[in-house]
Amino acid sequence: MIIIAGLGNPGTQYANNRHNIGFMAVDALQRLPSFSPWSKKFKSEISEGEIAGEKVLLIKPLTFMNLSGESVGEAMRFYKLAPADIIAIHDELDLVAGRARIKIGGGHGGHNGLKSIDAHCGKDYRRLRLGIGHPGDKDRVHGHVLGDFAKSDKVWLEPLIDAIADNAAMLVKGEDSQLMNKLALAVGVKSEEKKAAKPAAQSHIHQARNSAQPQKLPETGPMADMLKRMFGKKD
C-alpha cells in the first residue's frame, strides 16, 4: 500500500488557503473512480482506492498542519509501512506559483507539516512540492500561506490540480521526470528558449530555385557549367 497525504488545515475557513494546496490535490485524487467516500480514521479523513494496480490510502490530517505527522505516522504503523511508502503533497514557498518538484528525503525547509512527519515517520518519504510563490518579505509569509488563492491564480491552480489526478499513475509508479513534464505542460511552463538555430546551409541549386532574388551563379568550374545548363538562358 502507498499512503498519499495531502497537507493542510481542516475547516471551511482554511479551504482555499495557499497552505491547503495539498488537501486540494488529494481531493482531486479522491474523485478518481476507484476511491471510496471520505471516512474518519487515524485522526484524518481517509479514502481507499487503487491507482495503477497499487492499493492507495489518501489522507487529509485533521490535526492541523503542525501535527500532520501524528496522523500519517499512525496510519504508517497500522499498515506496517515504511517512510518510502509515503508521498506527502504540500505547498512550497520557495517555488514559483504553479511550478512543481518532487524529491525523496531532505530537510523540511521550515514547513511545519513536513517537520511533524519527519518526527513521526522519518525523513525518507517522497514529497511532491507545489509552488505557491514567496511574498518577498519574511514578515508577510504567515499571511501569504494562510491567505486564499487569488482569482487570477485559477489560471494555473486548476490545471495543476487536474493534471496531478490525470497523471496519478506516474506519481504512484515513481515516474517522476515524466510527471514533472506533464505538470509543467499543464500550467504552460515553457522550457528555456533555445538560441535560434542557424539556418541550414543551402546548396547553390536550392538557392537558385527558391530565392525571389536572382542569385549570382558561380562563374567557373563544373558547378557553374551545371547551373548554367539548368538556369541559364536557352540559345
Foldseek 3Di string as FASTA:
>chain_A
DAEEEFEAEDDPLQCQFLFRLSVLLLVLQCPPVFWDDWDDDLQWTWIWGDAPNDTYIYTYHNPGQLQLLSSVLVVCVVVVHAQQRYEYEGEDAPDAAQAKAKDFFDDPVPRNNLVNNCVRHNGGHMYIYGYPYHPPDPVCRVVRRSPGDDPVSCLRSVLLSNLCNVPVNCVNVVVRVVSNVSSCVSNVNDDPDDDDDDPDDDDPVVCCVPDPDHDDADDDDPRSVVCCVVPNDDD
